[in-house]
Amino acid sequence: MNVNEIVRLLRAERDKLDAAIQALEDVSGGATGKRRGRPPGSTNRSTSATGGKRRGMSPAARKRIAAAMKARWAAAKKSGKKRL
């Protein structure tokens, strides 16, 4: 086999591979398909993602939650449950 014949066979193999890759990309969407998720540069981000200020809890709300949790723990301890 001479060099020209080898080059011809390699190009034919390359064409087959290109056709197979194109067929797979057409089926799966490939790199040119529609992207999922938020597009790059989108401005509709949540405050936690952009580092915005988190909402605070008032001292009265903290006291109510603490009292409710203490009551829950006392009830669980009284009933002998290992898990809440």
Protein backbone atom coordinates (compact mmCIF):
# COMPACT_ATOMS: atom_id res chain seq x y z
CA MET A 1 0.00 0.00 0.00
CA ASN A 2 1.37 3.38 -0.92
CA VAL A 3 1.04 6.60 1.06
CA ASN A 4 -1.74 8.01 -1.13
CA GLU A 5 -3.89 4.92 -0.49
CA ILE A 6 -3.36 5.18 3.29
CA VAL A 7 -4.32 8.87 3.24
CA ARG A 8 -7.46 8.05 1.20
CA LEU A 9 -8.49 5.34 3.68
CA LEU A 10 -7.87 7.61 6.67
CA ARG A 11 -9.97 10.39 5.14
CA ALA A 12 -12.78 7.92 4.45
CA GLU A 13 -12.63 6.77 8.09
CA ARG A 14 -12.65 10.40 9.26
CA ASP A 15 -15.76 11.10 7.17
CA LYS A 16 -17.52 8.10 8.73
CA LEU A 17 -16.62 9.29 12.23
CA ASP A 18 -17.81 12.83 11.47
CA ALA A 19 -21.13 11.47 10.22
CA ALA A 20 -21.54 9.32 13.36
CA ILE A 21 -20.73 12.27 15.65
CA GLN A 22 -23.21 14.48 13.80
CA ALA A 23 -25.92 11.83 14.12
CA LEU A 24 -25.33 11.54 17.88
CA GLU A 25 -25.40 15.31 18.34
CA ASP A 26 -28.68 15.53 16.40
CA VAL A 27 -30.26 12.91 18.64
CA SER A 28 -29.05 14.27 21.98
CA GLY A 29 -29.15 17.98 21.27
CA GLY A 30 -25.37 18.21 21.38
CA ALA A 31 -23.42 21.36 22.08
CA THR A 32 -25.71 23.40 19.82
CA GLY A 33 -28.89 22.34 21.65
CA LYS A 34 -30.86 24.51 24.06
CA ARG A 35 -29.15 25.02 27.41
CA ARG A 36 -30.90 24.18 30.65
CA GLY A 37 -31.12 26.43 33.67
CA ARG A 38 -30.69 30.16 34.11
CA PRO A 39 -28.94 31.79 31.15
CA PRO A 40 -25.56 33.40 31.78
CA GLY A 41 -25.86 37.06 32.71
CA SER A 42 -29.43 36.73 33.91
CA THR A 43 -30.53 39.41 36.37
CA ASN A 44 -33.24 37.46 38.21
CA ARG A 45 -31.11 36.05 41.02
CA SER A 46 -32.14 35.36 44.58
CA THR A 47 -30.87 37.62 47.35
CA SER A 48 -28.82 34.84 48.95
CA ALA A 49 -26.99 34.20 45.66
CA THR A 50 -26.18 37.88 45.21
CA GLY A 51 -25.18 38.44 48.83
CA GLY A 52 -28.22 40.53 49.72
CA LYS A 53 -29.28 41.24 53.29
CA ARG A 54 -31.13 38.40 55.00
CA ARG A 55 -34.35 39.06 56.83
CA GLY A 56 -33.97 39.25 60.57
CA MET A 57 -36.07 37.79 63.36
CA SER A 58 -37.42 39.98 66.12
CA PRO A 59 -36.46 39.24 69.73
CA ALA A 60 -40.11 38.45 70.51
CA ALA A 61 -40.22 35.90 67.71
CA ARG A 62 -37.00 34.30 68.98
CA LYS A 63 -38.54 34.01 72.48
CA ARG A 64 -41.70 32.40 71.09
CA ILE A 65 -39.68 29.86 69.09
CA ALA A 66 -37.41 29.12 72.06
CA ALA A 67 -40.42 28.56 74.32
CA ALA A 68 -42.06 26.27 71.76
CA MET A 69 -38.87 24.22 71.37
CA LYS A 70 -38.41 23.92 75.14
CA ALA A 71 -41.98 22.68 75.44
CA ARG A 72 -41.38 20.19 72.64
CA TRP A 73 -38.19 18.89 74.24
CA ALA A 74 -39.88 18.61 77.64
CA ALA A 75 -42.77 16.64 76.13
CA ALA A 76 -40.36 14.32 74.33
CA LYS A 77 -38.31 13.81 77.47
CA LYS A 78 -41.45 13.10 79.48
CA SER A 79 -42.71 10.52 76.98
CA GLY A 80 -39.28 8.85 76.76
CA LYS A 81 -38.83 9.22 73.01
CA LYS A 82 -35.28 8.98 71.77
CA ARG A 83 -36.02 10.94 68.59
CA LEU A 84 -38.40 13.79 68.03
